[in-house]
Amino acid sequence: MTKMTTPAPGTDDKAGAAPEPMTIKNFRSNGDIENFYRYIHENGLRREAFMLMEYAISKVAKARKGKRAAKTLQ
């Protein structure tokens, strides 16, 4: 008689399957991102997380703006 085991909670049934590529549409369903959202919610860090996201987005926007300006000077 063989003993059947069930997968641990939070693990995929597809052991060994290749992970899905990250896209804009499935970004929020990524396990790491879900855990990050849960951590922020459980610890009351919404304000701090918002400030970090604003900072990161502003840095990315400045970098993109600099690249676009460099390309149009030709």
Protein backbone atom coordinates (compact mmCIF):
# COMPACT_ATOMS: atom_id res chain seq x y z
CA MET A 1 0.00 0.00 0.00
CA THR A 2 1.45 3.37 -1.00
CA LYS A 3 0.95 6.52 0.97
CA MET A 4 -0.37 9.46 -1.05
CA THR A 5 0.88 12.91 -0.16
CA THR A 6 -0.82 16.19 -0.86
CA PRO A 7 1.16 19.25 -1.86
CA ALA A 8 1.84 21.82 0.83
CA PRO A 9 -0.39 24.91 0.79
CA GLY A 10 0.96 27.62 -1.49
CA THR A 11 2.85 25.23 -3.76
CA ASP A 12 2.00 24.48 -7.36
CA ASP A 13 0.78 21.08 -8.47
CA LYS A 14 3.05 21.42 -11.49
CA ALA A 15 6.33 20.45 -9.82
CA GLY A 16 9.16 20.91 -12.28
CA ALA A 17 7.09 22.90 -14.76
CA ALA A 18 8.68 25.99 -16.25
CA PRO A 19 7.49 29.23 -14.62
CA GLU A 20 5.26 31.53 -16.65
CA PRO A 21 7.08 34.52 -18.14
CA MET A 22 6.33 37.78 -16.32
CA THR A 23 3.96 40.06 -18.20
CA ILE A 24 1.95 43.13 -17.28
CA LYS A 25 -1.24 41.06 -17.15
CA ASN A 26 0.02 38.38 -14.74
CA PHE A 27 2.30 40.60 -12.62
CA ARG A 28 -0.04 40.82 -9.62
CA SER A 29 -0.73 37.08 -9.59
CA ASN A 30 2.97 36.26 -9.13
CA GLY A 31 3.51 34.52 -5.77
CA ASP A 32 6.27 36.89 -4.67
CA ILE A 33 4.17 39.94 -5.43
CA GLU A 34 1.15 38.49 -3.61
CA ASN A 35 3.32 37.85 -0.54
CA PHE A 36 4.65 41.41 -0.73
CA TYR A 37 1.10 42.83 -0.85
CA ARG A 38 0.09 40.61 2.08
CA TYR A 39 3.11 41.75 4.12
CA ILE A 40 2.28 45.42 3.50
CA HIS A 41 -1.37 44.91 4.45
CA GLU A 42 -0.68 42.88 7.61
CA ASN A 43 1.89 45.35 8.92
CA GLY A 44 0.08 48.59 8.06
CA LEU A 45 2.76 49.83 5.67
CA ARG A 46 0.54 51.31 2.95
CA ARG A 47 1.86 54.86 3.35
CA GLU A 48 5.49 53.77 3.30
CA ALA A 49 4.93 51.48 0.32
CA PHE A 50 3.23 54.32 -1.57
CA MET A 51 6.18 56.62 -0.88
CA LEU A 52 8.63 53.96 -2.13
CA MET A 53 6.60 53.39 -5.30
CA GLU A 54 6.42 57.14 -6.01
CA TYR A 55 10.19 57.39 -5.61
CA ALA A 56 10.86 54.42 -7.90
CA ILE A 57 8.44 55.62 -10.56
CA SER A 58 9.95 59.11 -10.56
CA LYS A 59 13.45 57.65 -11.06
CA VAL A 60 12.26 55.48 -13.94
CA ALA A 61 10.42 58.40 -15.54
CA LYS A 62 13.54 60.59 -15.36
CA ALA A 63 15.65 57.85 -16.93
CA ARG A 64 13.13 57.36 -19.74
CA LYS A 65 12.89 61.09 -20.35
CA GLY A 66 16.67 61.32 -20.65
CA LYS A 67 16.77 58.48 -23.18
CA ARG A 68 14.03 60.04 -25.29
CA ALA A 69 15.75 63.43 -25.32
CA ALA A 70 19.05 61.82 -26.38
CA LYS A 71 17.35 59.99 -29.26
CA THR A 72 15.61 63.06 -30.69
CA LEU A 73 18.80 65.16 -30.93
CA GLN A 74 19.98 63.42 -34.09
